[in-house]
């Protein structure tokens, strides 16, 4: 299929690589920043254009890969009416109907994955899709299955809930890693010695329920160790607060077994 990408950030960059690898043709990249559009388009011998005054190439599917905050009325209104052309957005928390002014054939192609243009590999990307009618859904589903082995239908509410859950397992989890890294730096110990532990926990959740495999002092009601840890965090009040709240949450969720 011939594809137009609207956007040039992390999602647009990674999706372009996935789409190209699946033997589709990227014919154009349109972005709010023309230099970024040209840079991404050059990788695929595609044309480029600015979103402020776009002249769209003819394509089979138009993928609006702007982030949720950028996918507002101001930017959507810059996309000309594409009549019956297939137009999809990739946002997790934005309604499918955000595109109804662009085309009579629209939907969502949401990648349930953390995407970065600086990654050194293409990760496995599950897609959650929806369409404004059954025929459109069928077309989007077919395209999604050509670029991923993991494709599911999800309505606006389901996609939003996946997006919330994704923040917990990705953004919040990574923030915990970042806080631990900063703590290690301040205390002059090696964060890299924690990597086998991080890898083991990540591997475990691929095969077992995180709820059933929870460990740690809060889980086993180890008051002595909890107090020792809080003493160690006296010089780090923000971390101490988070430690307390996380421990309280574990105790509340699991209670007495």
C-alpha atoms as a PDB file:
ATOM      1  CA  UNK A   1       0.000   0.000   0.000  1.00  0.00           C
ATOM      2  CA  UNK A   2       1.047   3.603  -0.529  1.00  0.00           C
ATOM      3  CA  UNK A   3       1.246   5.420   2.801  1.00  0.00           C
ATOM      4  CA  UNK A   4       1.352   9.074   3.865  1.00  0.00           C
ATOM      5  CA  UNK A   5       2.738   9.711   7.343  1.00  0.00           C
ATOM      6  CA  UNK A   6       1.599  12.842   9.184  1.00  0.00           C
ATOM      7  CA  UNK A   7       4.157  13.474  11.907  1.00  0.00           C
ATOM      8  CA  UNK A   8       7.896  13.074  12.333  1.00  0.00           C
ATOM      9  CA  UNK A   9       8.351  12.255  16.016  1.00  0.00           C
ATOM     10  CA  UNK A  10       8.920   8.978  17.820  1.00  0.00           C
ATOM     11  CA  UNK A  11       5.722   7.234  16.702  1.00  0.00           C
ATOM     12  CA  UNK A  12       5.987   8.425  13.107  1.00  0.00           C
ATOM     13  CA  UNK A  13       9.638   7.399  12.882  1.00  0.00           C
ATOM     14  CA  UNK A  14       9.190   3.892  14.297  1.00  0.00           C
ATOM     15  CA  UNK A  15       5.958   3.225  12.403  1.00  0.00           C
ATOM     16  CA  UNK A  16       7.628   4.319   9.181  1.00  0.00           C
ATOM     17  CA  UNK A  17      10.359   1.739   9.740  1.00  0.00           C
ATOM     18  CA  UNK A  18       7.819  -0.998  10.497  1.00  0.00           C
ATOM     19  CA  UNK A  19       5.682  -0.080   7.485  1.00  0.00           C
ATOM     20  CA  UNK A  20       8.683   0.021   5.148  1.00  0.00           C
ATOM     21  CA  UNK A  21       9.939  -3.325   6.458  1.00  0.00           C
ATOM     22  CA  UNK A  22       6.537  -4.836   5.600  1.00  0.00           C
ATOM     23  CA  UNK A  23       7.043  -3.757   1.950  1.00  0.00           C
ATOM     24  CA  UNK A  24       4.552  -0.913   1.947  1.00  0.00           C
ATOM     25  CA  UNK A  25       5.631   2.317   0.248  1.00  0.00           C
ATOM     26  CA  UNK A  26       5.901   5.569   2.172  1.00  0.00           C
ATOM     27  CA  UNK A  27       5.163   8.217  -0.442  1.00  0.00           C
ATOM     28  CA  UNK A  28       5.140  11.313   1.767  1.00  0.00           C
ATOM     29  CA  UNK A  29       5.913  12.637   5.241  1.00  0.00           C
ATOM     30  CA  UNK A  30       3.978  15.689   6.442  1.00  0.00           C
ATOM     31  CA  UNK A  31       5.046  17.432   9.648  1.00  0.00           C
ATOM     32  CA  UNK A  32       4.656  20.679  11.538  1.00  0.00           C
ATOM     33  CA  UNK A  33       8.454  20.993  11.176  1.00  0.00           C
ATOM     34  CA  UNK A  34       9.518  20.835   7.531  1.00  0.00           C
ATOM     35  CA  UNK A  35      13.130  19.970   8.362  1.00  0.00           C
ATOM     36  CA  UNK A  36      11.988  16.956  10.374  1.00  0.00           C
ATOM     37  CA  UNK A  37       9.623  15.959   7.578  1.00  0.00           C
ATOM     38  CA  UNK A  38      12.437  16.119   5.022  1.00  0.00           C
ATOM     39  CA  UNK A  39      14.788  14.155   7.266  1.00  0.00           C
ATOM     40  CA  UNK A  40      12.329  11.279   7.764  1.00  0.00           C
ATOM     41  CA  UNK A  41      11.124  11.338   4.150  1.00  0.00           C
ATOM     42  CA  UNK A  42      14.696  11.083   2.862  1.00  0.00           C
ATOM     43  CA  UNK A  43      15.018   7.620   4.412  1.00  0.00           C
ATOM     44  CA  UNK A  44      12.321   6.318   2.065  1.00  0.00           C
ATOM     45  CA  UNK A  45      12.794   8.495  -1.025  1.00  0.00           C
ATOM     46  CA  UNK A  46       9.449  10.092  -0.187  1.00  0.00           C
ATOM     47  CA  UNK A  47       8.270  13.651  -0.675  1.00  0.00           C
ATOM     48  CA  UNK A  48       7.769  16.002   2.265  1.00  0.00           C
ATOM     49  CA  UNK A  49       5.410  18.804   3.179  1.00  0.00           C
ATOM     50  CA  UNK A  50       4.567  21.060   6.097  1.00  0.00           C
ATOM     51  CA  UNK A  51       1.323  20.645   7.994  1.00  0.00           C
ATOM     52  CA  UNK A  52       0.693  24.398   7.880  1.00  0.00           C
ATOM     53  CA  UNK A  53      -0.054  24.169   4.140  1.00  0.00           C
ATOM     54  CA  UNK A  54      -0.075  20.503   3.154  1.00  0.00           C
ATOM     55  CA  UNK A  55      -0.339  19.267  -0.432  1.00  0.00           C
ATOM     56  CA  UNK A  56      -1.036  15.600   0.131  1.00  0.00           C
ATOM     57  CA  UNK A  57       0.194  12.887  -2.215  1.00  0.00           C
ATOM     58  CA  UNK A  58      -2.291  10.259  -3.351  1.00  0.00           C
ATOM     59  CA  UNK A  59      -2.140   7.232  -1.028  1.00  0.00           C
ATOM     60  CA  UNK A  60      -4.084   4.213   0.183  1.00  0.00           C
ATOM     61  CA  UNK A  61      -3.847   5.156   3.846  1.00  0.00           C
ATOM     62  CA  UNK A  62      -3.013   8.389   5.701  1.00  0.00           C
ATOM     63  CA  UNK A  63      -1.562   7.807   9.172  1.00  0.00           C
ATOM     64  CA  UNK A  64      -1.790  10.797  11.525  1.00  0.00           C
ATOM     65  CA  UNK A  65       1.013   9.953  13.944  1.00  0.00           C
ATOM     66  CA  UNK A  66       0.844  13.043  16.150  1.00  0.00           C
ATOM     67  CA  UNK A  67       0.913  12.696  19.923  1.00  0.00           C
ATOM     68  CA  UNK A  68      -2.284  13.067  21.931  1.00  0.00           C
ATOM     69  CA  UNK A  69      -1.622  16.691  22.877  1.00  0.00           C
ATOM     70  CA  UNK A  70      -0.839  17.656  19.261  1.00  0.00           C
ATOM     71  CA  UNK A  71      -3.899  15.877  17.879  1.00  0.00           C
ATOM     72  CA  UNK A  72      -6.170  18.823  18.604  1.00  0.00           C
ATOM     73  CA  UNK A  73      -8.652  20.692  16.481  1.00  0.00           C
ATOM     74  CA  UNK A  74      -6.064  23.201  15.235  1.00  0.00           C
ATOM     75  CA  UNK A  75      -3.876  20.491  13.730  1.00  0.00           C
ATOM     76  CA  UNK A  76      -6.757  18.316  12.506  1.00  0.00           C
ATOM     77  CA  UNK A  77      -8.269  21.289  10.704  1.00  0.00           C
ATOM     78  CA  UNK A  78      -5.021  21.645   8.733  1.00  0.00           C
ATOM     79  CA  UNK A  79      -5.631  18.251   7.150  1.00  0.00           C
ATOM     80  CA  UNK A  80      -7.723  18.836   4.017  1.00  0.00           C
ATOM     81  CA  UNK A  81     -10.880  16.854   3.403  1.00  0.00           C
ATOM     82  CA  UNK A  82      -9.738  13.547   1.920  1.00  0.00           C
ATOM     83  CA  UNK A  83     -13.252  12.413   1.008  1.00  0.00           C
ATOM     84  CA  UNK A  84     -13.302   8.613   1.062  1.00  0.00           C
ATOM     85  CA  UNK A  85      -9.570   8.106   1.656  1.00  0.00           C
ATOM     86  CA  UNK A  86      -8.628   5.936   4.640  1.00  0.00           C
ATOM     87  CA  UNK A  87      -7.345   8.126   7.488  1.00  0.00           C
ATOM     88  CA  UNK A  88      -6.253   6.826  10.902  1.00  0.00           C
ATOM     89  CA  UNK A  89      -4.692   8.329  13.990  1.00  0.00           C
ATOM     90  CA  UNK A  90      -2.335   6.594  16.410  1.00  0.00           C
ATOM     91  CA  UNK A  91      -3.293   8.267  19.708  1.00  0.00           C
ATOM     92  CA  UNK A  92      -4.218   6.343  22.833  1.00  0.00           C
ATOM     93  CA  UNK A  93      -6.496   8.826  24.581  1.00  0.00           C
ATOM     94  CA  UNK A  94      -8.171  10.559  21.635  1.00  0.00           C
ATOM     95  CA  UNK A  95     -11.595   9.580  20.272  1.00  0.00           C
ATOM     96  CA  UNK A  96     -11.902   7.963  16.858  1.00  0.00           C
ATOM     97  CA  UNK A  97     -14.232  10.821  15.918  1.00  0.00           C
ATOM     98  CA  UNK A  98     -11.384  13.319  16.003  1.00  0.00           C
ATOM     99  CA  UNK A  99     -10.896  12.465  12.311  1.00  0.00           C
ATOM    100  CA  UNK A 100     -14.500  12.637  11.136  1.00  0.00           C
ATOM    101  CA  UNK A 101     -13.932  16.030   9.475  1.00  0.00           C
ATOM    102  CA  UNK A 102     -11.062  14.588   7.412  1.00  0.00           C
ATOM    103  CA  UNK A 103     -12.771  11.713   5.656  1.00  0.00           C
ATOM    104  CA  UNK A 104     -15.804   9.481   5.515  1.00  0.00           C
ATOM    105  CA  UNK A 105     -13.455   6.554   6.126  1.00  0.00           C
ATOM    106  CA  UNK A 106     -11.497   6.897   9.345  1.00  0.00           C
ATOM    107  CA  UNK A 107     -10.293   4.989  12.364  1.00  0.00           C
ATOM    108  CA  UNK A 108      -7.517   4.288  14.840  1.00  0.00           C
ATOM    109  CA  UNK A 109      -4.230   2.388  14.529  1.00  0.00           C
ATOM    110  CA  UNK A 110      -2.853   2.604  18.084  1.00  0.00           C
ATOM    111  CA  UNK A 111       0.563   1.030  18.792  1.00  0.00           C
ATOM    112  CA  UNK A 112       0.546  -0.354  22.338  1.00  0.00           C
ATOM    113  CA  UNK A 113       4.278   0.056  22.765  1.00  0.00           C
ATOM    114  CA  UNK A 114       6.853   2.552  23.975  1.00  0.00           C
ATOM    115  CA  UNK A 115       8.353   4.055  20.829  1.00  0.00           C
ATOM    116  CA  UNK A 116      11.530   6.086  20.477  1.00  0.00           C
ATOM    117  CA  UNK A 117      13.259   7.253  17.312  1.00  0.00           C
ATOM    118  CA  UNK A 118      16.579   6.590  19.050  1.00  0.00           C
ATOM    119  CA  UNK A 119      16.002   2.854  19.581  1.00  0.00           C
ATOM    120  CA  UNK A 120      18.540   0.488  18.008  1.00  0.00           C
ATOM    121  CA  UNK A 121      15.901  -2.131  17.168  1.00  0.00           C
ATOM    122  CA  UNK A 122      12.274  -2.405  16.137  1.00  0.00           C
ATOM    123  CA  UNK A 123      10.272  -3.841  19.061  1.00  0.00           C
ATOM    124  CA  UNK A 124       7.248  -6.103  18.789  1.00  0.00           C
ATOM    125  CA  UNK A 125       4.286  -3.748  18.443  1.00  0.00           C
ATOM    126  CA  UNK A 126       0.730  -4.821  19.302  1.00  0.00           C
ATOM    127  CA  UNK A 127      -1.917  -2.661  17.604  1.00  0.00           C
ATOM    128  CA  UNK A 128      -5.372  -1.734  18.861  1.00  0.00           C
ATOM    129  CA  UNK A 129      -7.624  -0.755  15.973  1.00  0.00           C
ATOM    130  CA  UNK A 130     -11.088   0.605  15.348  1.00  0.00           C
ATOM    131  CA  UNK A 131     -13.028   1.968  12.385  1.00  0.00           C
ATOM    132  CA  UNK A 132     -16.031   4.220  11.904  1.00  0.00           C
ATOM    133  CA  UNK A 133     -17.878   1.312  10.261  1.00  0.00           C
ATOM    134  CA  UNK A 134     -17.401  -2.413   9.652  1.00  0.00           C
ATOM    135  CA  UNK A 135     -15.870  -2.005   6.196  1.00  0.00           C
ATOM    136  CA  UNK A 136     -13.367   0.565   7.448  1.00  0.00           C
ATOM    137  CA  UNK A 137     -12.482  -1.626  10.434  1.00  0.00           C
ATOM    138  CA  UNK A 138     -11.849  -4.528   8.048  1.00  0.00           C
ATOM    139  CA  UNK A 139      -9.461  -2.408   5.966  1.00  0.00           C
ATOM    140  CA  UNK A 140      -7.572  -1.097   8.994  1.00  0.00           C
ATOM    141  CA  UNK A 141      -7.401  -4.585  10.485  1.00  0.00           C
ATOM    142  CA  UNK A 142      -5.933  -5.916   7.244  1.00  0.00           C
ATOM    143  CA  UNK A 143      -3.270  -3.217   7.124  1.00  0.00           C
ATOM    144  CA  UNK A 144      -2.412  -3.683  10.810  1.00  0.00           C
ATOM    145  CA  UNK A 145      -2.020  -7.436  10.355  1.00  0.00           C
ATOM    146  CA  UNK A 146       0.399  -6.814   7.499  1.00  0.00           C
ATOM    147  CA  UNK A 147       2.771  -5.039   9.881  1.00  0.00           C
ATOM    148  CA  UNK A 148       2.147  -6.893  13.171  1.00  0.00           C
ATOM    149  CA  UNK A 149       1.252 -10.375  14.413  1.00  0.00           C
ATOM    150  CA  UNK A 150      -0.649  -8.908  17.374  1.00  0.00           C
ATOM    151  CA  UNK A 151      -3.746  -6.946  16.372  1.00  0.00           C
ATOM    152  CA  UNK A 152      -6.967  -6.470  18.369  1.00  0.00           C
ATOM    153  CA  UNK A 153     -10.107  -4.409  18.011  1.00  0.00           C
ATOM    154  CA  UNK A 154     -10.656  -1.844  20.784  1.00  0.00           C
ATOM    155  CA  UNK A 155     -13.218   0.940  21.140  1.00  0.00           C
ATOM    156  CA  UNK A 156     -12.436   4.389  22.558  1.00  0.00           C
ATOM    157  CA  UNK A 157     -13.067   3.385  26.192  1.00  0.00           C
ATOM    158  CA  UNK A 158     -11.037   0.184  25.948  1.00  0.00           C
ATOM    159  CA  UNK A 159      -8.155   1.964  24.226  1.00  0.00           C
ATOM    160  CA  UNK A 160      -8.137   4.680  26.897  1.00  0.00           C
ATOM    161  CA  UNK A 161      -7.948   2.043  29.636  1.00  0.00           C
ATOM    162  CA  UNK A 162      -5.065   0.316  27.847  1.00  0.00           C
ATOM    163  CA  UNK A 163      -3.362   3.696  27.632  1.00  0.00           C
ATOM    164  CA  UNK A 164      -3.759   4.247  31.396  1.00  0.00           C
ATOM    165  CA  UNK A 165      -2.413   0.756  32.144  1.00  0.00           C
ATOM    166  CA  UNK A 166       0.484   1.381  29.752  1.00  0.00           C
ATOM    167  CA  UNK A 167       1.527   4.452  31.742  1.00  0.00           C
ATOM    168  CA  UNK A 168       1.750   2.306  34.885  1.00  0.00           C
ATOM    169  CA  UNK A 169       3.816  -0.493  33.344  1.00  0.00           C
ATOM    170  CA  UNK A 170       6.017   1.702  31.164  1.00  0.00           C
ATOM    171  CA  UNK A 171       6.322   5.352  32.202  1.00  0.00           C
ATOM    172  CA  UNK A 172       5.884   4.821  35.938  1.00  0.00           C
ATOM    173  CA  UNK A 173       8.074   1.699  35.993  1.00  0.00           C
ATOM    174  CA  UNK A 174      10.824   3.514  34.081  1.00  0.00           C
ATOM    175  CA  UNK A 175      10.529   6.460  36.483  1.00  0.00           C
ATOM    176  CA  UNK A 176      11.188   4.040  39.354  1.00  0.00           C
ATOM    177  CA  UNK A 177      14.327   2.888  37.526  1.00  0.00           C
ATOM    178  CA  UNK A 178      15.370   6.523  37.081  1.00  0.00           C
ATOM    179  CA  UNK A 179      14.843   7.301  40.783  1.00  0.00           C
ATOM    180  CA  UNK A 180      16.855   4.227  41.750  1.00  0.00           C
ATOM    181  CA  UNK A 181      19.623   5.301  39.356  1.00  0.00           C
ATOM    182  CA  UNK A 182      19.775   8.792  40.893  1.00  0.00           C
ATOM    183  CA  UNK A 183      19.757   7.302  44.400  1.00  0.00           C
ATOM    184  CA  UNK A 184      22.665   5.033  43.483  1.00  0.00           C
ATOM    185  CA  UNK A 185      24.615   7.975  42.070  1.00  0.00           C
ATOM    186  CA  UNK A 186      24.100  10.047  45.228  1.00  0.00           C
ATOM    187  CA  UNK A 187      25.026   7.131  47.479  1.00  0.00           C
ATOM    188  CA  UNK A 188      28.002   6.193  45.245  1.00  0.00           C
ATOM    189  CA  UNK A 189      26.878   2.652  44.496  1.00  0.00           C
ATOM    190  CA  UNK A 190      26.555   0.980  41.087  1.00  0.00           C
ATOM    191  CA  UNK A 191      23.132   1.029  39.431  1.00  0.00           C
ATOM    192  CA  UNK A 192      24.321  -1.556  36.889  1.00  0.00           C
ATOM    193  CA  UNK A 193      24.391  -4.151  39.684  1.00  0.00           C
ATOM    194  CA  UNK A 194      20.581  -3.881  39.760  1.00  0.00           C
ATOM    195  CA  UNK A 195      20.176  -4.756  36.073  1.00  0.00           C
ATOM    196  CA  UNK A 196      19.968  -8.546  36.600  1.00  0.00           C
ATOM    197  CA  UNK A 197      17.190  -7.917  39.144  1.00  0.00           C
ATOM    198  CA  UNK A 198      15.336  -5.635  36.713  1.00  0.00           C
ATOM    199  CA  UNK A 199      15.708  -8.182  33.934  1.00  0.00           C
ATOM    200  CA  UNK A 200      14.455 -11.024  36.153  1.00  0.00           C
ATOM    201  CA  UNK A 201      11.337  -9.100  37.195  1.00  0.00           C
ATOM    202  CA  UNK A 202      10.607  -8.157  33.578  1.00  0.00           C
ATOM    203  CA  UNK A 203      11.070 -11.755  32.464  1.00  0.00           C
ATOM    204  CA  UNK A 204       8.857 -13.086  35.254  1.00  0.00           C
ATOM    205  CA  UNK A 205       5.817 -11.033  34.241  1.00  0.00           C
ATOM    206  CA  UNK A 206       5.949 -12.669  30.808  1.00  0.00           C
ATOM    207  CA  UNK A 207       5.039 -15.984  32.400  1.00  0.00           C
ATOM    208  CA  UNK A 208       3.347 -15.268  35.723  1.00  0.00           C
ATOM    209  CA  UNK A 209       0.819 -12.862  37.255  1.00  0.00           C
ATOM    210  CA  UNK A 210       2.535  -9.795  38.770  1.00  0.00           C
ATOM    211  CA  UNK A 211      -0.073  -9.826  41.510  1.00  0.00           C
ATOM    212  CA  UNK A 212       0.720 -13.424  42.480  1.00  0.00           C
ATOM    213  CA  UNK A 213       4.493 -12.985  42.350  1.00  0.00           C
ATOM    214  CA  UNK A 214       4.809  -9.784  44.393  1.00  0.00           C
ATOM    215  CA  UNK A 215       7.738  -9.918  46.842  1.00  0.00           C
ATOM    216  CA  UNK A 216       9.489  -7.505  49.201  1.00  0.00           C
ATOM    217  CA  UNK A 217       9.338  -6.321  52.803  1.00  0.00           C
ATOM    218  CA  UNK A 218       5.868  -4.725  52.519  1.00  0.00           C
ATOM    219  CA  UNK A 219       4.498  -7.939  51.046  1.00  0.00           C
ATOM    220  CA  UNK A 220       5.790 -10.055  53.921  1.00  0.00           C
ATOM    221  CA  UNK A 221       4.960  -7.455  56.596  1.00  0.00           C
ATOM    222  CA  UNK A 222       8.645  -7.092  57.483  1.00  0.00           C
ATOM    223  CA  UNK A 223       8.395  -4.023  59.737  1.00  0.00           C
ATOM    224  CA  UNK A 224      12.057  -4.203  60.776  1.00  0.00           C
ATOM    225  CA  UNK A 225      13.325  -3.973  57.177  1.00  0.00           C
ATOM    226  CA  UNK A 226      10.785  -1.300  56.268  1.00  0.00           C
ATOM    227  CA  UNK A 227      12.015   0.872  59.135  1.00  0.00           C
ATOM    228  CA  UNK A 228      15.650   0.287  58.180  1.00  0.00           C
ATOM    229  CA  UNK A 229      14.911   1.391  54.632  1.00  0.00           C
ATOM    230  CA  UNK A 230      13.085   4.499  55.817  1.00  0.00           C
ATOM    231  CA  UNK A 231      16.068   5.395  58.005  1.00  0.00           C
ATOM    232  CA  UNK A 232      18.340   5.046  54.970  1.00  0.00           C
ATOM    233  CA  UNK A 233      16.065   7.437  53.077  1.00  0.00           C
ATOM    234  CA  UNK A 234      16.069  10.233  55.667  1.00  0.00           C
ATOM    235  CA  UNK A 235      18.382  12.291  53.454  1.00  0.00           C
ATOM    236  CA  UNK A 236      16.069  11.680  50.483  1.00  0.00           C
ATOM    237  CA  UNK A 237      12.624  12.912  51.618  1.00  0.00           C
ATOM    238  CA  UNK A 238      10.995  12.666  48.180  1.00  0.00           C
ATOM    239  CA  UNK A 239      12.126   9.061  47.818  1.00  0.00           C
ATOM    240  CA  UNK A 240      11.044   8.324  51.380  1.00  0.00           C
ATOM    241  CA  UNK A 241       7.543   9.599  50.577  1.00  0.00           C
ATOM    242  CA  UNK A 242       7.310   7.446  47.448  1.00  0.00           C
ATOM    243  CA  UNK A 243       8.669   4.432  49.342  1.00  0.00           C
ATOM    244  CA  UNK A 244       5.990   4.873  52.003  1.00  0.00           C
ATOM    245  CA  UNK A 245       3.173   5.289  49.482  1.00  0.00           C
ATOM    246  CA  UNK A 246       4.277   2.314  47.407  1.00  0.00           C
ATOM    247  CA  UNK A 247       4.599   0.142  50.514  1.00  0.00           C
ATOM    248  CA  UNK A 248       1.157   1.248  51.695  1.00  0.00           C
ATOM    249  CA  UNK A 249      -0.273   0.399  48.291  1.00  0.00           C
ATOM    250  CA  UNK A 250       1.263  -3.091  48.345  1.00  0.00           C
ATOM    251  CA  UNK A 251      -0.143  -3.725  51.823  1.00  0.00           C
ATOM    252  CA  UNK A 252      -3.583  -2.406  50.785  1.00  0.00           C
ATOM    253  CA  UNK A 253      -3.748  -4.438  47.595  1.00  0.00           C
ATOM    254  CA  UNK A 254      -2.468  -7.682  49.056  1.00  0.00           C
ATOM    255  CA  UNK A 255      -3.528  -7.416  52.676  1.00  0.00           C
ATOM    256  CA  UNK A 256      -2.862 -10.437  54.880  1.00  0.00           C
ATOM    257  CA  UNK A 257      -2.427 -13.707  53.049  1.00  0.00           C
END
